[in-house]
mmCIF file of all heavy atoms, coordinates in Angstrom:
data_MODEL
# 
_entry.id   MODEL 
# 
loop_
_atom_site.group_PDB 
_atom_site.id 
_atom_site.type_symbol 
_atom_site.label_atom_id 
_atom_site.label_alt_id 
_atom_site.label_comp_id 
_atom_site.label_asym_id 
_atom_site.label_entity_id 
_atom_site.label_seq_id 
_atom_site.pdbx_PDB_ins_code 
_atom_site.Cartn_x 
_atom_site.Cartn_y 
_atom_site.Cartn_z 
_atom_site.occupancy 
_atom_site.B_iso_or_equiv 
_atom_site.pdbx_formal_charge 
_atom_site.auth_seq_id 
_atom_site.auth_comp_id 
_atom_site.auth_asym_id 
_atom_site.auth_atom_id 
_atom_site.pdbx_PDB_model_num 
ATOM 1   N N   . ILE A 1 1  ? 4.087   -15.865 13.996 1.00 0.00 ? 1  ILE A N   1 
ATOM 2   C CA  . ILE A 1 1  ? 2.897   -15.914 13.110 1.00 0.00 ? 1  ILE A CA  1 
ATOM 3   C C   . ILE A 1 1  ? 1.899   -16.933 13.603 1.00 0.00 ? 1  ILE A C   1 
ATOM 4   O O   . ILE A 1 1  ? 0.699   -16.668 13.662 1.00 0.00 ? 1  ILE A O   1 
ATOM 5   C CB  . ILE A 1 1  ? 3.326   -16.257 11.648 1.00 0.00 ? 1  ILE A CB  1 
ATOM 6   C CG1 . ILE A 1 1  ? 4.150   -15.094 11.049 1.00 0.00 ? 1  ILE A CG1 1 
ATOM 7   C CG2 . ILE A 1 1  ? 2.129   -16.606 10.791 1.00 0.00 ? 1  ILE A CG2 1 
ATOM 8   C CD1 . ILE A 1 1  ? 4.819   -15.445 9.744  1.00 0.00 ? 1  ILE A CD1 1 
ATOM 9   N N   . VAL A 1 2  ? 2.347   -18.109 14.014 1.00 0.00 ? 2  VAL A N   1 
ATOM 10  C CA  . VAL A 1 2  ? 1.455   -19.130 14.537 1.00 0.00 ? 2  VAL A CA  1 
ATOM 11  C C   . VAL A 1 2  ? 0.777   -18.645 15.820 1.00 0.00 ? 2  VAL A C   1 
ATOM 12  O O   . VAL A 1 2  ? -0.424  -18.814 15.970 1.00 0.00 ? 2  VAL A O   1 
ATOM 13  C CB  . VAL A 1 2  ? 2.212   -20.471 14.792 1.00 0.00 ? 2  VAL A CB  1 
ATOM 14  C CG1 . VAL A 1 2  ? 1.343   -21.488 15.480 1.00 0.00 ? 2  VAL A CG1 1 
ATOM 15  C CG2 . VAL A 1 2  ? 2.665   -21.035 13.398 1.00 0.00 ? 2  VAL A CG2 1 
ATOM 16  N N   . ARG A 1 3  ? 1.528   -18.052 16.730 1.00 0.00 ? 3  ARG A N   1 
ATOM 17  C CA  . ARG A 1 3  ? 0.924   -17.494 17.961 1.00 0.00 ? 3  ARG A CA  1 
ATOM 18  C C   . ARG A 1 3  ? -0.151  -16.459 17.649 1.00 0.00 ? 3  ARG A C   1 
ATOM 19  O O   . ARG A 1 3  ? -1.258  -16.478 18.281 1.00 0.00 ? 3  ARG A O   1 
ATOM 20  C CB  . ARG A 1 3  ? 2.019   -16.837 18.837 1.00 0.00 ? 3  ARG A CB  1 
ATOM 21  C CG  . ARG A 1 3  ? 2.785   -17.801 19.620 1.00 0.00 ? 3  ARG A CG  1 
ATOM 22  C CD  . ARG A 1 3  ? 3.615   -17.108 20.671 1.00 0.00 ? 3  ARG A CD  1 
ATOM 23  N NE  . ARG A 1 3  ? 4.641   -17.994 21.178 1.00 0.00 ? 3  ARG A NE  1 
ATOM 24  C CZ  . ARG A 1 3  ? 5.912   -18.039 20.800 1.00 0.00 ? 3  ARG A CZ  1 
ATOM 25  N NH1 . ARG A 1 3  ? 6.363   -17.149 19.889 1.00 0.00 ? 3  ARG A NH1 1 
ATOM 26  N NH2 . ARG A 1 3  ? 6.744   -18.904 21.275 1.00 0.00 ? 3  ARG A NH2 1 
ATOM 27  N N   . ALA A 1 4  ? 0.114   -15.599 16.735 1.00 0.00 ? 4  ALA A N   1 
ATOM 28  C CA  . ALA A 1 4  ? -0.855  -14.533 16.345 1.00 0.00 ? 4  ALA A CA  1 
ATOM 29  C C   . ALA A 1 4  ? -2.121  -15.167 15.770 1.00 0.00 ? 4  ALA A C   1 
ATOM 30  O O   . ALA A 1 4  ? -3.252  -14.723 16.082 1.00 0.00 ? 4  ALA A O   1 
ATOM 31  C CB  . ALA A 1 4  ? -0.271  -13.544 15.392 1.00 0.00 ? 4  ALA A CB  1 
ATOM 32  N N   . LEU A 1 5  ? -1.987  -16.184 14.913 1.00 0.00 ? 5  LEU A N   1 
ATOM 33  C CA  . LEU A 1 5  ? -3.153  -16.857 14.329 1.00 0.00 ? 5  LEU A CA  1 
ATOM 34  C C   . LEU A 1 5  ? -4.010  -17.507 15.403 1.00 0.00 ? 5  LEU A C   1 
ATOM 35  O O   . LEU A 1 5  ? -5.215  -17.346 15.407 1.00 0.00 ? 5  LEU A O   1 
ATOM 36  C CB  . LEU A 1 5  ? -2.690  -17.896 13.320 1.00 0.00 ? 5  LEU A CB  1 
ATOM 37  C CG  . LEU A 1 5  ? -2.164  -17.376 11.980 1.00 0.00 ? 5  LEU A CG  1 
ATOM 38  C CD1 . LEU A 1 5  ? -1.597  -18.499 11.153 1.00 0.00 ? 5  LEU A CD1 1 
ATOM 39  C CD2 . LEU A 1 5  ? -3.298  -16.681 11.190 1.00 0.00 ? 5  LEU A CD2 1 
ATOM 40  N N   . PHE A 1 6  ? -3.389  -18.259 16.301 1.00 0.00 ? 6  PHE A N   1 
ATOM 41  C CA  . PHE A 1 6  ? -4.182  -18.954 17.330 1.00 0.00 ? 6  PHE A CA  1 
ATOM 42  C C   . PHE A 1 6  ? -4.733  -17.992 18.382 1.00 0.00 ? 6  PHE A C   1 
ATOM 43  O O   . PHE A 1 6  ? -5.732  -18.295 19.017 1.00 0.00 ? 6  PHE A O   1 
ATOM 44  C CB  . PHE A 1 6  ? -3.358  -20.057 17.978 1.00 0.00 ? 6  PHE A CB  1 
ATOM 45  C CG  . PHE A 1 6  ? -3.249  -21.296 17.140 1.00 0.00 ? 6  PHE A CG  1 
ATOM 46  C CD1 . PHE A 1 6  ? -2.181  -21.493 16.282 1.00 0.00 ? 6  PHE A CD1 1 
ATOM 47  C CD2 . PHE A 1 6  ? -4.250  -22.228 17.120 1.00 0.00 ? 6  PHE A CD2 1 
ATOM 48  C CE1 . PHE A 1 6  ? -2.089  -22.628 15.471 1.00 0.00 ? 6  PHE A CE1 1 
ATOM 49  C CE2 . PHE A 1 6  ? -4.199  -23.369 16.330 1.00 0.00 ? 6  PHE A CE2 1 
ATOM 50  C CZ  . PHE A 1 6  ? -3.138  -23.529 15.485 1.00 0.00 ? 6  PHE A CZ  1 
ATOM 51  N N   . ALA A 1 7  ? -4.106  -16.830 18.544 1.00 0.00 ? 7  ALA A N   1 
ATOM 52  C CA  . ALA A 1 7  ? -4.623  -15.829 19.502 1.00 0.00 ? 7  ALA A CA  1 
ATOM 53  C C   . ALA A 1 7  ? -6.011  -15.307 19.035 1.00 0.00 ? 7  ALA A C   1 
ATOM 54  O O   . ALA A 1 7  ? -6.781  -14.831 19.857 1.00 0.00 ? 7  ALA A O   1 
ATOM 55  C CB  . ALA A 1 7  ? -3.644  -14.707 19.633 1.00 0.00 ? 7  ALA A CB  1 
ATOM 56  N N   . ARG A 1 8  ? -6.269  -15.363 17.751 1.00 0.00 ? 8  ARG A N   1 
ATOM 57  C CA  . ARG A 1 8  ? -7.551  -14.888 17.207 1.00 0.00 ? 8  ARG A CA  1 
ATOM 58  C C   . ARG A 1 8  ? -8.698  -15.812 17.629 1.00 0.00 ? 8  ARG A C   1 
ATOM 59  O O   . ARG A 1 8  ? -9.838  -15.434 17.503 1.00 0.00 ? 8  ARG A O   1 
ATOM 60  C CB  . ARG A 1 8  ? -7.505  -14.820 15.695 1.00 0.00 ? 8  ARG A CB  1 
ATOM 61  C CG  . ARG A 1 8  ? -6.546  -13.790 15.180 1.00 0.00 ? 8  ARG A CG  1 
ATOM 62  C CD  . ARG A 1 8  ? -6.601  -13.820 13.667 1.00 0.00 ? 8  ARG A CD  1 
ATOM 63  N NE  . ARG A 1 8  ? -5.594  -12.895 13.134 1.00 0.00 ? 8  ARG A NE  1 
ATOM 64  C CZ  . ARG A 1 8  ? -5.390  -12.799 11.829 1.00 0.00 ? 8  ARG A CZ  1 
ATOM 65  N NH1 . ARG A 1 8  ? -6.116  -13.470 10.953 1.00 0.00 ? 8  ARG A NH1 1 
ATOM 66  N NH2 . ARG A 1 8  ? -4.463  -11.957 11.404 1.00 0.00 ? 8  ARG A NH2 1 
ATOM 67  N N   . GLU A 1 9  ? -8.387  -17.013 18.026 1.00 0.00 ? 9  GLU A N   1 
ATOM 68  C CA  . GLU A 1 9  ? -9.364  -18.053 18.406 1.00 0.00 ? 9  GLU A CA  1 
ATOM 69  C C   . GLU A 1 9  ? -10.323 -18.441 17.292 1.00 0.00 ? 9  GLU A C   1 
ATOM 70  O O   . GLU A 1 9  ? -11.380 -18.901 17.537 1.00 0.00 ? 9  GLU A O   1 
ATOM 71  C CB  . GLU A 1 9  ? -10.132 -17.597 19.647 1.00 0.00 ? 9  GLU A CB  1 
ATOM 72  C CG  . GLU A 1 9  ? -9.232  -17.429 20.880 1.00 0.00 ? 9  GLU A CG  1 
ATOM 73  C CD  . GLU A 1 9  ? -9.981  -17.095 22.118 1.00 0.00 ? 9  GLU A CD  1 
ATOM 74  O OE1 . GLU A 1 9  ? -11.235 -17.074 22.105 1.00 0.00 ? 9  GLU A OE1 1 
ATOM 75  O OE2 . GLU A 1 9  ? -9.309  -16.806 23.116 1.00 0.00 ? 9  GLU A OE2 1 
ATOM 76  N N   . THR A 1 10 ? -9.929  -18.167 16.056 1.00 0.00 ? 10 THR A N   1 
ATOM 77  C CA  . THR A 1 10 ? -10.684 -18.648 14.915 1.00 0.00 ? 10 THR A CA  1 
ATOM 78  C C   . THR A 1 10 ? -9.921  -19.700 14.129 1.00 0.00 ? 10 THR A C   1 
ATOM 79  O O   . THR A 1 10 ? -10.463 -20.378 13.277 1.00 0.00 ? 10 THR A O   1 
ATOM 80  C CB  . THR A 1 10 ? -11.029 -17.491 13.943 1.00 0.00 ? 10 THR A CB  1 
ATOM 81  O OG1 . THR A 1 10 ? -9.838  -16.884 13.537 1.00 0.00 ? 10 THR A OG1 1 
ATOM 82  C CG2 . THR A 1 10 ? -11.923 -16.488 14.609 1.00 0.00 ? 10 THR A CG2 1 
ATOM 83  N N   . VAL A 1 11 ? -8.614  -19.878 14.467 1.00 0.00 ? 11 VAL A N   1 
ATOM 84  C CA  . VAL A 1 11 ? -7.805  -20.888 13.834 1.00 0.00 ? 11 VAL A CA  1 
ATOM 85  C C   . VAL A 1 11 ? -7.601  -22.002 14.817 1.00 0.00 ? 11 VAL A C   1 
ATOM 86  O O   . VAL A 1 11 ? -7.220  -21.836 15.974 1.00 0.00 ? 11 VAL A O   1 
ATOM 87  C CB  . VAL A 1 11 ? -6.429  -20.243 13.436 1.00 0.00 ? 11 VAL A CB  1 
ATOM 88  C CG1 . VAL A 1 11 ? -5.511  -21.340 12.876 1.00 0.00 ? 11 VAL A CG1 1 
ATOM 89  C CG2 . VAL A 1 11 ? -6.606  -19.183 12.420 1.00 0.00 ? 11 VAL A CG2 1 
ATOM 90  N N   . TYR A 1 12 ? -7.901  -23.251 14.366 1.00 0.00 ? 12 TYR A N   1 
ATOM 91  C CA  . TYR A 1 12 ? -7.787  -24.398 15.237 1.00 0.00 ? 12 TYR A CA  1 
ATOM 92  C C   . TYR A 1 12 ? -6.722  -25.400 14.710 1.00 0.00 ? 12 TYR A C   1 
ATOM 93  O O   . TYR A 1 12 ? -6.344  -26.311 15.388 1.00 0.00 ? 12 TYR A O   1 
ATOM 94  C CB  . TYR A 1 12 ? -9.128  -25.123 15.386 1.00 0.00 ? 12 TYR A CB  1 
ATOM 95  C CG  . TYR A 1 12 ? -10.192 -24.196 15.958 1.00 0.00 ? 12 TYR A CG  1 
ATOM 96  C CD1 . TYR A 1 12 ? -11.108 -23.585 15.123 1.00 0.00 ? 12 TYR A CD1 1 
ATOM 97  C CD2 . TYR A 1 12 ? -10.202 -23.957 17.317 1.00 0.00 ? 12 TYR A CD2 1 
ATOM 98  C CE1 . TYR A 1 12 ? -12.027 -22.739 15.694 1.00 0.00 ? 12 TYR A CE1 1 
ATOM 99  C CE2 . TYR A 1 12 ? -11.168 -23.114 17.861 1.00 0.00 ? 12 TYR A CE2 1 
ATOM 100 C CZ  . TYR A 1 12 ? -12.054 -22.518 17.049 1.00 0.00 ? 12 TYR A CZ  1 
ATOM 101 O OH  . TYR A 1 12 ? -13.012 -21.678 17.568 1.00 0.00 ? 12 TYR A OH  1 
ATOM 102 N N   . GLU A 1 13 ? -6.334  -25.190 13.458 1.00 0.00 ? 13 GLU A N   1 
ATOM 103 C CA  . GLU A 1 13 ? -5.356  -26.108 12.844 1.00 0.00 ? 13 GLU A CA  1 
ATOM 104 C C   . GLU A 1 13 ? -4.488  -25.307 11.933 1.00 0.00 ? 13 GLU A C   1 
ATOM 105 O O   . GLU A 1 13 ? -4.931  -24.390 11.252 1.00 0.00 ? 13 GLU A O   1 
ATOM 106 C CB  . GLU A 1 13 ? -6.122  -27.208 12.103 1.00 0.00 ? 13 GLU A CB  1 
ATOM 107 C CG  . GLU A 1 13 ? -5.183  -28.241 11.480 1.00 0.00 ? 13 GLU A CG  1 
ATOM 108 C CD  . GLU A 1 13 ? -5.981  -29.368 10.896 1.00 0.00 ? 13 GLU A CD  1 
ATOM 109 O OE1 . GLU A 1 13 ? -6.768  -30.019 11.582 1.00 0.00 ? 13 GLU A OE1 1 
ATOM 110 O OE2 . GLU A 1 13 ? -5.815  -29.634 9.669  1.00 0.00 ? 13 GLU A OE2 1 
ATOM 111 N N   . TYR A 1 14 ? -3.152  -25.705 11.879 1.00 0.00 ? 14 TYR A N   1 
ATOM 112 C CA  . TYR A 1 14 ? -2.210  -24.966 11.060 1.00 0.00 ? 14 TYR A CA  1 
ATOM 113 C C   . TYR A 1 14 ? -1.327  -25.976 10.383 1.00 0.00 ? 14 TYR A C   1 
ATOM 114 O O   . TYR A 1 14 ? -0.807  -26.857 11.060 1.00 0.00 ? 14 TYR A O   1 
ATOM 115 C CB  . TYR A 1 14 ? -1.342  -24.026 11.940 1.00 0.00 ? 14 TYR A CB  1 
ATOM 116 C CG  . TYR A 1 14 ? -0.280  -23.261 11.179 1.00 0.00 ? 14 TYR A CG  1 
ATOM 117 C CD1 . TYR A 1 14 ? -0.654  -22.154 10.411 1.00 0.00 ? 14 TYR A CD1 1 
ATOM 118 C CD2 . TYR A 1 14 ? 1.009   -23.657 11.229 1.00 0.00 ? 14 TYR A CD2 1 
ATOM 119 C CE1 . TYR A 1 14 ? 0.288   -21.447 9.727  1.00 0.00 ? 14 TYR A CE1 1 
ATOM 120 C CE2 . TYR A 1 14 ? 1.965   -22.933 10.523 1.00 0.00 ? 14 TYR A CE2 1 
ATOM 121 C CZ  . TYR A 1 14 ? 1.608   -21.813 9.801  1.00 0.00 ? 14 TYR A CZ  1 
ATOM 122 O OH  . TYR A 1 14 ? 2.565   -21.167 9.090  1.00 0.00 ? 14 TYR A OH  1 
ATOM 123 N N   . ASP A 1 15 ? -1.199  -25.919 9.076  1.00 0.00 ? 15 ASP A N   1 
ATOM 124 C CA  . ASP A 1 15 ? -0.372  -26.853 8.334  1.00 0.00 ? 15 ASP A CA  1 
ATOM 125 C C   . ASP A 1 15 ? 1.072   -26.342 8.358  1.00 0.00 ? 15 ASP A C   1 
ATOM 126 O O   . ASP A 1 15 ? 1.347   -25.301 7.734  1.00 0.00 ? 15 ASP A O   1 
ATOM 127 C CB  . ASP A 1 15 ? -0.910  -26.935 6.872  1.00 0.00 ? 15 ASP A CB  1 
ATOM 128 C CG  . ASP A 1 15 ? -0.083  -27.938 6.062  1.00 0.00 ? 15 ASP A CG  1 
ATOM 129 O OD1 . ASP A 1 15 ? 0.850   -28.517 6.577  1.00 0.00 ? 15 ASP A OD1 1 
ATOM 130 O OD2 . ASP A 1 15 ? -0.442  -28.071 4.837  1.00 0.00 ? 15 ASP A OD2 1 
ATOM 131 N N   . MET A 1 16 ? 1.951   -27.034 9.059  1.00 0.00 ? 16 MET A N   1 
ATOM 132 C CA  . MET A 1 16 ? 3.320   -26.596 9.184  1.00 0.00 ? 16 MET A CA  1 
ATOM 133 C C   . MET A 1 16 ? 4.197   -27.082 8.026  1.00 0.00 ? 16 MET A C   1 
ATOM 134 O O   . MET A 1 16 ? 5.409   -26.891 8.039  1.00 0.00 ? 16 MET A O   1 
ATOM 135 C CB  . MET A 1 16 ? 3.877   -27.086 10.500 1.00 0.00 ? 16 MET A CB  1 
ATOM 136 C CG  . MET A 1 16 ? 3.314   -26.427 11.683 1.00 0.00 ? 16 MET A CG  1 
ATOM 137 S SD  . MET A 1 16 ? 4.240   -26.881 13.139 1.00 0.00 ? 16 MET A SD  1 
ATOM 138 C CE  . MET A 1 16 ? 3.017   -26.693 14.362 1.00 0.00 ? 16 MET A CE  1 
ATOM 139 N N   . GLY A 1 17 ? 3.583   -27.709 7.039  1.00 0.00 ? 17 GLY A N   1 
ATOM 140 C CA  . GLY A 1 17 ? 4.370   -28.160 5.899  1.00 0.00 ? 17 GLY A CA  1 
ATOM 141 C C   . GLY A 1 17 ? 5.027   -29.472 6.083  1.00 0.00 ? 17 GLY A C   1 
ATOM 142 O O   . GLY A 1 17 ? 4.908   -30.095 7.152  1.00 0.00 ? 17 GLY A O   1 
ATOM 143 N N   . PRO A 1 18 ? 5.683   -29.968 5.089  1.00 0.00 ? 18 PRO A N   1 
ATOM 144 C CA  . PRO A 1 18 ? 6.318   -31.335 5.135  1.00 0.00 ? 18 PRO A CA  1 
ATOM 145 C C   . PRO A 1 18 ? 7.465   -31.350 6.063  1.00 0.00 ? 18 PRO A C   1 
ATOM 146 O O   . PRO A 1 18 ? 8.110   -30.333 6.356  1.00 0.00 ? 18 PRO A O   1 
ATOM 147 C CB  . PRO A 1 18 ? 6.657   -31.599 3.721  1.00 0.00 ? 18 PRO A CB  1 
ATOM 148 C CG  . PRO A 1 18 ? 6.920   -30.246 3.124  1.00 0.00 ? 18 PRO A CG  1 
ATOM 149 C CD  . PRO A 1 18 ? 5.925   -29.299 3.788  1.00 0.00 ? 18 PRO A CD  1 
ATOM 150 N N   . GLY A 1 19 ? 7.827   -32.553 6.439  1.00 0.00 ? 19 GLY A N   1 
ATOM 151 C CA  . GLY A 1 19 ? 9.015   -32.746 7.293  1.00 0.00 ? 19 GLY A CA  1 
ATOM 152 C C   . GLY A 1 19 ? 8.710   -32.926 8.762  1.00 0.00 ? 19 GLY A C   1 
ATOM 153 O O   . GLY A 1 19 ? 7.711   -32.520 9.264  1.00 0.00 ? 19 GLY A O   1 
ATOM 154 N N   . ASP A 1 20 ? 9.596   -33.680 9.374  1.00 0.00 ? 20 ASP A N   1 
ATOM 155 C CA  . ASP A 1 20 ? 9.421   -33.991 10.803 1.00 0.00 ? 20 ASP A CA  1 
ATOM 156 C C   . ASP A 1 20 ? 10.472  -33.245 11.591 1.00 0.00 ? 20 ASP A C   1 
ATOM 157 O O   . ASP A 1 20 ? 11.406  -33.791 12.100 1.00 0.00 ? 20 ASP A O   1 
ATOM 158 C CB  . ASP A 1 20 ? 9.573   -35.509 11.015 1.00 0.00 ? 20 ASP A CB  1 
ATOM 159 C CG  . ASP A 1 20 ? 9.174   -35.978 12.377 1.00 0.00 ? 20 ASP A CG  1 
ATOM 160 O OD1 . ASP A 1 20 ? 8.424   -35.203 13.011 1.00 0.00 ? 20 ASP A OD1 1 
ATOM 161 O OD2 . ASP A 1 20 ? 9.635   -37.030 12.823 1.00 0.00 ? 20 ASP A OD2 1 
ATOM 162 N N   . ASN A 1 21 ? 10.293  -31.919 11.684 1.00 0.00 ? 21 ASN A N   1 
ATOM 163 C CA  . ASN A 1 21 ? 11.242  -31.101 12.328 1.00 0.00 ? 21 ASN A CA  1 
ATOM 164 C C   . ASN A 1 21 ? 10.962  -31.063 13.835 1.00 0.00 ? 21 ASN A C   1 
ATOM 165 O O   . ASN A 1 21 ? 9.809   -31.084 14.261 1.00 0.00 ? 21 ASN A O   1 
ATOM 166 C CB  . ASN A 1 21 ? 11.184  -29.644 11.791 1.00 0.00 ? 21 ASN A CB  1 
ATOM 167 C CG  . ASN A 1 21 ? 11.449  -29.624 10.293 1.00 0.00 ? 21 ASN A CG  1 
ATOM 168 O OD1 . ASN A 1 21 ? 10.539  -29.839 9.534  1.00 0.00 ? 21 ASN A OD1 1 
ATOM 169 N ND2 . ASN A 1 21 ? 12.672  -29.440 9.894  1.00 0.00 ? 21 ASN A ND2 1 
ATOM 170 N N   . GLU A 1 22 ? 12.003  -30.896 14.657 1.00 0.00 ? 22 GLU A N   1 
ATOM 171 C CA  . GLU A 1 22 ? 11.852  -30.884 16.103 1.00 0.00 ? 22 GLU A CA  1 
ATOM 172 C C   . GLU A 1 22 ? 10.965  -29.827 16.614 1.00 0.00 ? 22 GLU A C   1 
ATOM 173 O O   . GLU A 1 22 ? 10.127  -30.011 17.518 1.00 0.00 ? 22 GLU A O   1 
ATOM 174 C CB  . GLU A 1 22 ? 13.233  -30.795 16.745 1.00 0.00 ? 22 GLU A CB  1 
ATOM 175 C CG  . GLU A 1 22 ? 13.230  -30.887 18.281 1.00 0.00 ? 22 GLU A CG  1 
ATOM 176 C CD  . GLU A 1 22 ? 14.608  -30.703 18.873 1.00 0.00 ? 22 GLU A CD  1 
ATOM 177 O OE1 . GLU A 1 22 ? 15.614  -31.003 18.170 1.00 0.00 ? 22 GLU A OE1 1 
ATOM 178 O OE2 . GLU A 1 22 ? 14.626  -30.247 20.026 1.00 0.00 ? 22 GLU A OE2 1 
ATOM 179 N N   . TYR A 1 23 ? 11.064  -28.594 16.045 1.00 0.00 ? 23 TYR A N   1 
ATOM 180 C CA  . TYR A 1 23 ? 10.279  -27.467 16.528 1.00 0.00 ? 23 TYR A CA  1 
ATOM 181 C C   . TYR A 1 23 ? 8.809   -27.747 16.369 1.00 0.00 ? 23 TYR A C   1 
ATOM 182 O O   . TYR A 1 23 ? 7.962   -27.236 17.173 1.00 0.00 ? 23 TYR A O   1 
ATOM 183 C CB  . TYR A 1 23 ? 10.700  -26.168 15.919 1.00 0.00 ? 23 TYR A CB  1 
ATOM 184 C CG  . TYR A 1 23 ? 10.268  -25.960 14.451 1.00 0.00 ? 23 TYR A CG  1 
ATOM 185 C CD1 . TYR A 1 23 ? 9.092   -25.414 14.142 1.00 0.00 ? 23 TYR A CD1 1 
ATOM 186 C CD2 . TYR A 1 23 ? 11.134  -26.380 13.435 1.00 0.00 ? 23 TYR A CD2 1 
ATOM 187 C CE1 . TYR A 1 23 ? 8.677   -25.223 12.799 1.00 0.00 ? 23 TYR A CE1 1 
ATOM 188 C CE2 . TYR A 1 23 ? 10.759  -26.213 12.119 1.00 0.00 ? 23 TYR A CE2 1 
ATOM 189 C CZ  . TYR A 1 23 ? 9.536   -25.635 11.804 1.00 0.00 ? 23 TYR A CZ  1 
ATOM 190 O OH  . TYR A 1 23 ? 9.187   -25.527 10.493 1.00 0.00 ? 23 TYR A OH  1 
ATOM 191 N N   . LYS A 1 24 ? 8.404   -28.464 15.363 1.00 0.00 ? 24 LYS A N   1 
ATOM 192 C CA  . LYS A 1 24 ? 7.006   -28.714 15.110 1.00 0.00 ? 24 LYS A CA  1 
ATOM 193 C C   . LYS A 1 24 ? 6.381   -29.538 16.249 1.00 0.00 ? 24 LYS A C   1 
ATOM 194 O O   . LYS A 1 24 ? 5.285   -29.285 16.682 1.00 0.00 ? 24 LYS A O   1 
ATOM 195 C CB  . LYS A 1 24 ? 6.778   -29.421 13.776 1.00 0.00 ? 24 LYS A CB  1 
ATOM 196 C CG  . LYS A 1 24 ? 7.149   -28.585 12.601 1.00 0.00 ? 24 LYS A CG  1 
ATOM 197 C CD  . LYS A 1 24 ? 7.037   -29.359 11.302 1.00 0.00 ? 24 LYS A CD  1 
ATOM 198 C CE  . LYS A 1 24 ? 7.502   -28.524 10.127 1.00 0.00 ? 24 LYS A CE  1 
ATOM 199 N NZ  . LYS A 1 24 ? 7.460   -29.284 8.895  1.00 0.00 ? 24 LYS A NZ  1 
ATOM 200 N N   . SER A 1 25 ? 7.173   -30.506 16.748 1.00 0.00 ? 25 SER A N   1 
ATOM 201 C CA  . SER A 1 25 ? 6.646   -31.298 17.851 1.00 0.00 ? 25 SER A CA  1 
ATOM 202 C C   . SER A 1 25 ? 6.554   -30.494 19.172 1.00 0.00 ? 25 SER A C   1 
ATOM 203 O O   . SER A 1 25 ? 5.751   -30.806 20.036 1.00 0.00 ? 25 SER A O   1 
ATOM 204 C CB  . SER A 1 25 ? 7.460   -32.585 18.065 1.00 0.00 ? 25 SER A CB  1 
ATOM 205 O OG  . SER A 1 25 ? 8.804   -32.244 18.343 1.00 0.00 ? 25 SER A OG  1 
ATOM 206 N N   . ARG A 1 26 ? 7.395   -29.500 19.300 1.00 0.00 ? 26 ARG A N   1 
ATOM 207 C CA  . ARG A 1 26 ? 7.331   -28.617 20.484 1.00 0.00 ? 26 ARG A CA  1 
ATOM 208 C C   . ARG A 1 26 ? 6.105   -27.715 20.452 1.00 0.00 ? 26 ARG A C   1 
ATOM 209 O O   . ARG A 1 26 ? 5.552   -27.346 21.464 1.00 0.00 ? 26 ARG A O   1 
ATOM 210 C CB  . ARG A 1 26 ? 8.571   -27.781 20.609 1.00 0.00 ? 26 ARG A CB  1 
ATOM 211 C CG  . ARG A 1 26 ? 9.806   -28.524 21.014 1.00 0.00 ? 26 ARG A CG  1 
ATOM 212 C CD  . ARG A 1 26 ? 10.930  -27.604 21.413 1.00 0.00 ? 26 ARG A CD  1 
ATOM 213 N NE  . ARG A 1 26 ? 11.166  -26.504 20.524 1.00 0.00 ? 26 ARG A NE  1 
ATOM 214 C CZ  . ARG A 1 26 ? 12.180  -26.444 19.642 1.00 0.00 ? 26 ARG A CZ  1 
ATOM 215 N NH1 . ARG A 1 26 ? 13.046  -27.430 19.548 1.00 0.00 ? 26 ARG A NH1 1 
ATOM 216 N NH2 . ARG A 1 26 ? 12.333  -25.387 18.861 1.00 0.00 ? 26 ARG A NH2 1 
ATOM 217 N N   . TRP A 1 27 ? 5.675   -27.314 19.278 1.00 0.00 ? 27 TRP A N   1 
ATOM 218 C CA  . TRP A 1 27 ? 4.601   -26.399 19.099 1.00 0.00 ? 27 TRP A CA  1 
ATOM 219 C C   . TRP A 1 27 ? 3.224   -27.043 19.070 1.00 0.00 ? 27 TRP A C   1 
ATOM 220 O O   . TRP A 1 27 ? 2.224   -26.382 19.299 1.00 0.00 ? 27 TRP A O   1 
ATOM 221 C CB  . TRP A 1 27 ? 4.724   -25.590 17.827 1.00 0.00 ? 27 TRP A CB  1 
ATOM 222 C CG  . TRP A 1 27 ? 5.933   -24.671 17.785 1.00 0.00 ? 27 TRP A CG  1 
ATOM 223 C CD1 . TRP A 1 27 ? 6.739   -24.347 18.808 1.00 0.00 ? 27 TRP A CD1 1 
ATOM 224 C CD2 . TRP A 1 27 ? 6.347   -23.922 16.666 1.00 0.00 ? 27 TRP A CD2 1 
ATOM 225 N NE1 . TRP A 1 27 ? 7.692   -23.468 18.394 1.00 0.00 ? 27 TRP A NE1 1 
ATOM 226 C CE2 . TRP A 1 27 ? 7.519   -23.193 17.051 1.00 0.00 ? 27 TRP A CE2 1 
ATOM 227 C CE3 . TRP A 1 27 ? 5.952   -23.800 15.348 1.00 0.00 ? 27 TRP A CE3 1 
ATOM 228 C CZ2 . TRP A 1 27 ? 8.225   -22.371 16.219 1.00 0.00 ? 27 TRP A CZ2 1 
ATOM 229 C CZ3 . TRP A 1 27 ? 6.662   -23.057 14.509 1.00 0.00 ? 27 TRP A CZ3 1 
ATOM 230 C CH2 . TRP A 1 27 ? 7.784   -22.279 14.943 1.00 0.00 ? 27 TRP A CH2 1 
ATOM 231 N N   . ALA A 1 28 ? 3.167   -28.318 18.757 1.00 0.00 ? 28 ALA A N   1 
ATOM 232 C CA  . ALA A 1 28 ? 1.900   -28.962 18.498 1.00 0.00 ? 28 ALA A CA  1 
ATOM 233 C C   . ALA A 1 28 ? 1.518   -29.933 19.651 1.00 0.00 ? 28 ALA A C   1 
ATOM 234 O O   . ALA A 1 28 ? 2.358   -30.573 20.246 1.00 0.00 ? 28 ALA A O   1 
ATOM 235 C CB  . ALA A 1 28 ? 1.942   -29.724 17.183 1.00 0.00 ? 28 ALA A CB  1 
# 
């Protein structure tokens, strides 16, 4: 979902929700 949003080139920021999960740091 995040890849598809950023592929549109109209999304520059995505709120991944609360928490300090490992995958979030890999994606951001």
